[in-house]
């Protein structure tokens, strides 16, 4: 997904702690250099999180995901959801630095959670993902801004040896 385009931004949605009585605010907006996800996290009324979510599908050959982003030093959670366990979030943390950086996420780095608590869940497969998101929480009160350029599915290349001939199956 290329977040430098307006089309990519149109399918997203915001989910903040207001669903639980909190008062945090966030929004996203397109920019030629990448989507801005920004707002204010408030701990008032037992709140404390802001998130954005986008539909996503990845091929069976996907072995990791690469997010290109920059921020202001806040810690974010890169989240995935599947149809198999829709109430569960699979999440992996990253620290958004001021300059553009590539963040790679492998299957084994994701932890399954429900409402911020670790839970047992079906094993994650990138092929099963139906939604990805970015979440800021963990009592990081105050203004935040994250800019996202791209999200890329990195795919495996398989080598198949058949007799004396070597074939490359790119799996794309």
C-alpha atoms as a PDB file:
ATOM      1  CA  UNK A   1       0.000   0.000   0.000  1.00  0.00           C
ATOM      2  CA  UNK A   2       1.331   3.374  -0.977  1.00  0.00           C
ATOM      3  CA  UNK A   3       0.064   5.987   1.471  1.00  0.00           C
ATOM      4  CA  UNK A   4       1.261   8.853  -0.697  1.00  0.00           C
ATOM      5  CA  UNK A   5      -1.939   8.408  -2.714  1.00  0.00           C
ATOM      6  CA  UNK A   6      -5.389   9.668  -1.765  1.00  0.00           C
ATOM      7  CA  UNK A   7      -6.968   6.327  -2.783  1.00  0.00           C
ATOM      8  CA  UNK A   8      -5.082   4.403  -0.092  1.00  0.00           C
ATOM      9  CA  UNK A   9      -6.311   6.771   2.610  1.00  0.00           C
ATOM     10  CA  UNK A  10      -9.996   6.479   1.656  1.00  0.00           C
ATOM     11  CA  UNK A  11     -10.452   2.931   2.980  1.00  0.00           C
ATOM     12  CA  UNK A  12      -9.181   3.660   6.512  1.00  0.00           C
ATOM     13  CA  UNK A  13     -11.038   4.423   9.716  1.00  0.00           C
ATOM     14  CA  UNK A  14     -10.251   5.842  13.147  1.00  0.00           C
ATOM     15  CA  UNK A  15     -11.028   4.007  16.404  1.00  0.00           C
ATOM     16  CA  UNK A  16     -10.216   5.907  19.606  1.00  0.00           C
ATOM     17  CA  UNK A  17     -10.884   5.279  23.287  1.00  0.00           C
ATOM     18  CA  UNK A  18     -14.250   7.054  22.949  1.00  0.00           C
ATOM     19  CA  UNK A  19     -15.687   3.574  22.351  1.00  0.00           C
ATOM     20  CA  UNK A  20     -14.958   3.012  26.077  1.00  0.00           C
ATOM     21  CA  UNK A  21     -15.734   6.501  27.418  1.00  0.00           C
ATOM     22  CA  UNK A  22     -12.314   8.080  26.825  1.00  0.00           C
ATOM     23  CA  UNK A  23     -11.703  11.454  25.166  1.00  0.00           C
ATOM     24  CA  UNK A  24      -8.580  10.882  23.027  1.00  0.00           C
ATOM     25  CA  UNK A  25      -8.750  12.389  19.540  1.00  0.00           C
ATOM     26  CA  UNK A  26      -7.037  11.371  16.302  1.00  0.00           C
ATOM     27  CA  UNK A  27      -7.340  11.693  12.560  1.00  0.00           C
ATOM     28  CA  UNK A  28      -5.415  10.871   9.434  1.00  0.00           C
ATOM     29  CA  UNK A  29      -4.860  12.906   6.308  1.00  0.00           C
ATOM     30  CA  UNK A  30      -3.121  12.379   2.990  1.00  0.00           C
ATOM     31  CA  UNK A  31       0.151  14.091   2.137  1.00  0.00           C
ATOM     32  CA  UNK A  32       2.446  13.754  -0.908  1.00  0.00           C
ATOM     33  CA  UNK A  33       5.140  12.242   1.367  1.00  0.00           C
ATOM     34  CA  UNK A  34       2.790   9.851   3.191  1.00  0.00           C
ATOM     35  CA  UNK A  35      -0.310   9.640   5.360  1.00  0.00           C
ATOM     36  CA  UNK A  36      -0.282  11.570   8.640  1.00  0.00           C
ATOM     37  CA  UNK A  37      -1.844   9.858  11.672  1.00  0.00           C
ATOM     38  CA  UNK A  38      -2.001  12.482  14.417  1.00  0.00           C
ATOM     39  CA  UNK A  39      -3.912  13.550  17.478  1.00  0.00           C
ATOM     40  CA  UNK A  40      -3.914  13.660  21.250  1.00  0.00           C
ATOM     41  CA  UNK A  41      -4.015  10.761  23.704  1.00  0.00           C
ATOM     42  CA  UNK A  42      -5.830  11.549  26.953  1.00  0.00           C
ATOM     43  CA  UNK A  43      -5.940   9.402  30.073  1.00  0.00           C
ATOM     44  CA  UNK A  44      -9.159  11.130  31.240  1.00  0.00           C
ATOM     45  CA  UNK A  45     -12.213   8.907  31.833  1.00  0.00           C
ATOM     46  CA  UNK A  46     -10.017   5.782  31.876  1.00  0.00           C
ATOM     47  CA  UNK A  47      -9.025   6.380  28.254  1.00  0.00           C
ATOM     48  CA  UNK A  48      -5.613   6.302  26.718  1.00  0.00           C
ATOM     49  CA  UNK A  49      -5.500   5.079  23.123  1.00  0.00           C
ATOM     50  CA  UNK A  50      -5.957   6.181  19.530  1.00  0.00           C
ATOM     51  CA  UNK A  51      -5.814   3.992  16.442  1.00  0.00           C
ATOM     52  CA  UNK A  52      -6.326   3.829  12.722  1.00  0.00           C
ATOM     53  CA  UNK A  53      -7.291   0.714  10.762  1.00  0.00           C
ATOM     54  CA  UNK A  54      -7.242  -0.326   7.111  1.00  0.00           C
ATOM     55  CA  UNK A  55      -8.473  -3.411   5.271  1.00  0.00           C
ATOM     56  CA  UNK A  56      -5.586  -5.580   4.063  1.00  0.00           C
ATOM     57  CA  UNK A  57      -4.912  -8.855   2.230  1.00  0.00           C
ATOM     58  CA  UNK A  58      -1.549 -10.566   1.830  1.00  0.00           C
ATOM     59  CA  UNK A  59      -0.552 -13.533  -0.305  1.00  0.00           C
ATOM     60  CA  UNK A  60       0.360 -16.915   1.091  1.00  0.00           C
ATOM     61  CA  UNK A  61       3.981 -16.273   0.061  1.00  0.00           C
ATOM     62  CA  UNK A  62       4.279 -13.278   2.450  1.00  0.00           C
ATOM     63  CA  UNK A  63       7.019 -13.890   5.029  1.00  0.00           C
ATOM     64  CA  UNK A  64       7.164 -10.412   6.605  1.00  0.00           C
ATOM     65  CA  UNK A  65       5.710  -6.909   6.365  1.00  0.00           C
ATOM     66  CA  UNK A  66       7.698  -3.710   5.937  1.00  0.00           C
ATOM     67  CA  UNK A  67       6.345  -0.366   7.125  1.00  0.00           C
ATOM     68  CA  UNK A  68       8.166   2.828   6.124  1.00  0.00           C
ATOM     69  CA  UNK A  69       7.371   5.578   8.628  1.00  0.00           C
ATOM     70  CA  UNK A  70       8.698   8.451  10.724  1.00  0.00           C
ATOM     71  CA  UNK A  71       7.464  10.040  13.931  1.00  0.00           C
ATOM     72  CA  UNK A  72       8.372  11.929  17.077  1.00  0.00           C
ATOM     73  CA  UNK A  73       9.830   9.222  19.285  1.00  0.00           C
ATOM     74  CA  UNK A  74       6.573   7.586  20.431  1.00  0.00           C
ATOM     75  CA  UNK A  75       6.120   3.832  20.717  1.00  0.00           C
ATOM     76  CA  UNK A  76       3.348   2.424  18.503  1.00  0.00           C
ATOM     77  CA  UNK A  77       1.794  -0.960  18.024  1.00  0.00           C
ATOM     78  CA  UNK A  78       1.513  -2.346  14.510  1.00  0.00           C
ATOM     79  CA  UNK A  79      -1.661  -4.452  14.688  1.00  0.00           C
ATOM     80  CA  UNK A  80      -3.183  -7.196  12.551  1.00  0.00           C
ATOM     81  CA  UNK A  81      -6.601  -8.830  12.700  1.00  0.00           C
ATOM     82  CA  UNK A  82      -7.888 -11.989  11.049  1.00  0.00           C
ATOM     83  CA  UNK A  83     -11.325 -13.397  10.283  1.00  0.00           C
ATOM     84  CA  UNK A  84     -10.396 -16.517  12.286  1.00  0.00           C
ATOM     85  CA  UNK A  85     -10.060 -14.526  15.531  1.00  0.00           C
ATOM     86  CA  UNK A  86     -11.610 -11.132  14.826  1.00  0.00           C
ATOM     87  CA  UNK A  87     -11.719 -10.013  18.488  1.00  0.00           C
ATOM     88  CA  UNK A  88      -7.975 -10.661  18.834  1.00  0.00           C
ATOM     89  CA  UNK A  89      -5.255  -8.209  17.828  1.00  0.00           C
ATOM     90  CA  UNK A  90      -1.846  -9.517  16.850  1.00  0.00           C
ATOM     91  CA  UNK A  91       0.572  -6.723  17.697  1.00  0.00           C
ATOM     92  CA  UNK A  92       4.230  -5.819  17.458  1.00  0.00           C
ATOM     93  CA  UNK A  93       5.801  -2.626  18.867  1.00  0.00           C
ATOM     94  CA  UNK A  94       7.994  -0.121  17.082  1.00  0.00           C
ATOM     95  CA  UNK A  95       9.561   3.182  18.091  1.00  0.00           C
ATOM     96  CA  UNK A  96       8.911   5.861  15.444  1.00  0.00           C
ATOM     97  CA  UNK A  97      12.076   7.862  14.902  1.00  0.00           C
ATOM     98  CA  UNK A  98      12.252  11.369  13.401  1.00  0.00           C
ATOM     99  CA  UNK A  99      13.756  10.273  10.083  1.00  0.00           C
ATOM    100  CA  UNK A 100      12.234   7.819   7.601  1.00  0.00           C
ATOM    101  CA  UNK A 101      12.872   4.246   8.685  1.00  0.00           C
ATOM    102  CA  UNK A 102      11.862   0.778   7.482  1.00  0.00           C
ATOM    103  CA  UNK A 103      10.308  -1.395  10.182  1.00  0.00           C
ATOM    104  CA  UNK A 104      10.116  -5.121   9.387  1.00  0.00           C
ATOM    105  CA  UNK A 105       7.615  -7.351  11.133  1.00  0.00           C
ATOM    106  CA  UNK A 106       7.948 -11.150  11.102  1.00  0.00           C
ATOM    107  CA  UNK A 107       5.244 -13.594  12.200  1.00  0.00           C
ATOM    108  CA  UNK A 108       7.100 -14.651  15.342  1.00  0.00           C
ATOM    109  CA  UNK A 109       7.273 -11.027  16.560  1.00  0.00           C
ATOM    110  CA  UNK A 110       3.496 -10.669  16.959  1.00  0.00           C
ATOM    111  CA  UNK A 111       1.757 -11.240  20.295  1.00  0.00           C
ATOM    112  CA  UNK A 112      -1.973 -11.964  20.492  1.00  0.00           C
ATOM    113  CA  UNK A 113      -4.009  -9.608  22.691  1.00  0.00           C
ATOM    114  CA  UNK A 114      -7.603  -8.850  23.602  1.00  0.00           C
ATOM    115  CA  UNK A 115      -8.259  -5.365  25.001  1.00  0.00           C
ATOM    116  CA  UNK A 116      -4.590  -4.937  25.819  1.00  0.00           C
ATOM    117  CA  UNK A 117      -4.150  -8.271  27.609  1.00  0.00           C
ATOM    118  CA  UNK A 118      -2.180 -11.200  26.234  1.00  0.00           C
ATOM    119  CA  UNK A 119      -4.390 -14.147  25.252  1.00  0.00           C
ATOM    120  CA  UNK A 120      -4.113 -17.542  23.593  1.00  0.00           C
ATOM    121  CA  UNK A 121      -5.220 -17.360  19.962  1.00  0.00           C
ATOM    122  CA  UNK A 122      -4.858 -19.262  16.693  1.00  0.00           C
ATOM    123  CA  UNK A 123      -1.415 -19.004  15.111  1.00  0.00           C
ATOM    124  CA  UNK A 124      -1.037 -15.944  12.909  1.00  0.00           C
ATOM    125  CA  UNK A 125      -0.612 -16.317   9.161  1.00  0.00           C
ATOM    126  CA  UNK A 126      -0.195 -13.207   7.022  1.00  0.00           C
ATOM    127  CA  UNK A 127      -2.474 -14.876   4.474  1.00  0.00           C
ATOM    128  CA  UNK A 128      -5.345 -14.788   7.046  1.00  0.00           C
ATOM    129  CA  UNK A 129      -5.031 -11.044   7.770  1.00  0.00           C
ATOM    130  CA  UNK A 130      -8.089  -8.928   6.973  1.00  0.00           C
ATOM    131  CA  UNK A 131      -7.057  -5.652   8.629  1.00  0.00           C
ATOM    132  CA  UNK A 132      -3.943  -3.838   9.783  1.00  0.00           C
ATOM    133  CA  UNK A 133      -3.681  -0.844  12.057  1.00  0.00           C
ATOM    134  CA  UNK A 134      -1.501   1.482  14.073  1.00  0.00           C
ATOM    135  CA  UNK A 135      -2.228   2.027  17.767  1.00  0.00           C
ATOM    136  CA  UNK A 136      -0.737   4.435  20.275  1.00  0.00           C
ATOM    137  CA  UNK A 137      -1.434   3.602  23.935  1.00  0.00           C
ATOM    138  CA  UNK A 138       0.512   2.555  27.038  1.00  0.00           C
ATOM    139  CA  UNK A 139      -0.092   5.801  28.951  1.00  0.00           C
ATOM    140  CA  UNK A 140       1.635   7.969  26.307  1.00  0.00           C
ATOM    141  CA  UNK A 141      -0.471  11.015  27.091  1.00  0.00           C
ATOM    142  CA  UNK A 142      -0.272  14.072  24.832  1.00  0.00           C
ATOM    143  CA  UNK A 143       0.072  15.030  21.194  1.00  0.00           C
ATOM    144  CA  UNK A 144       1.452  12.572  18.651  1.00  0.00           C
ATOM    145  CA  UNK A 145       2.147  12.501  14.918  1.00  0.00           C
ATOM    146  CA  UNK A 146       3.216   9.578  12.763  1.00  0.00           C
ATOM    147  CA  UNK A 147       3.736   9.701   9.000  1.00  0.00           C
ATOM    148  CA  UNK A 148       3.465   6.491   6.976  1.00  0.00           C
ATOM    149  CA  UNK A 149       4.845   6.191   3.447  1.00  0.00           C
ATOM    150  CA  UNK A 150       4.285   2.532   2.518  1.00  0.00           C
ATOM    151  CA  UNK A 151       3.340  -0.924   3.764  1.00  0.00           C
ATOM    152  CA  UNK A 152       4.837  -3.736   1.687  1.00  0.00           C
ATOM    153  CA  UNK A 153       4.336  -7.493   1.867  1.00  0.00           C
ATOM    154  CA  UNK A 154       7.734  -9.167   1.454  1.00  0.00           C
ATOM    155  CA  UNK A 155       7.396 -12.518  -0.270  1.00  0.00           C
ATOM    156  CA  UNK A 156       9.331 -15.739  -0.106  1.00  0.00           C
ATOM    157  CA  UNK A 157      11.214 -17.130  -3.025  1.00  0.00           C
ATOM    158  CA  UNK A 158      11.258 -20.913  -3.226  1.00  0.00           C
ATOM    159  CA  UNK A 159      13.783 -22.999  -5.103  1.00  0.00           C
ATOM    160  CA  UNK A 160      12.517 -26.309  -6.400  1.00  0.00           C
ATOM    161  CA  UNK A 161      15.067 -28.892  -7.524  1.00  0.00           C
ATOM    162  CA  UNK A 162      13.761 -31.282 -10.144  1.00  0.00           C
ATOM    163  CA  UNK A 163      16.345 -33.654 -11.501  1.00  0.00           C
ATOM    164  CA  UNK A 164      19.187 -31.755 -13.154  1.00  0.00           C
ATOM    165  CA  UNK A 165      17.072 -28.662 -13.754  1.00  0.00           C
ATOM    166  CA  UNK A 166      16.716 -25.925 -11.152  1.00  0.00           C
ATOM    167  CA  UNK A 167      13.488 -23.922 -11.189  1.00  0.00           C
ATOM    168  CA  UNK A 168      12.755 -20.688  -9.370  1.00  0.00           C
ATOM    169  CA  UNK A 169       9.232 -20.307  -8.032  1.00  0.00           C
ATOM    170  CA  UNK A 170       8.902 -16.654  -7.066  1.00  0.00           C
ATOM    171  CA  UNK A 171       5.519 -17.151  -5.432  1.00  0.00           C
ATOM    172  CA  UNK A 172       4.111 -13.769  -6.437  1.00  0.00           C
END
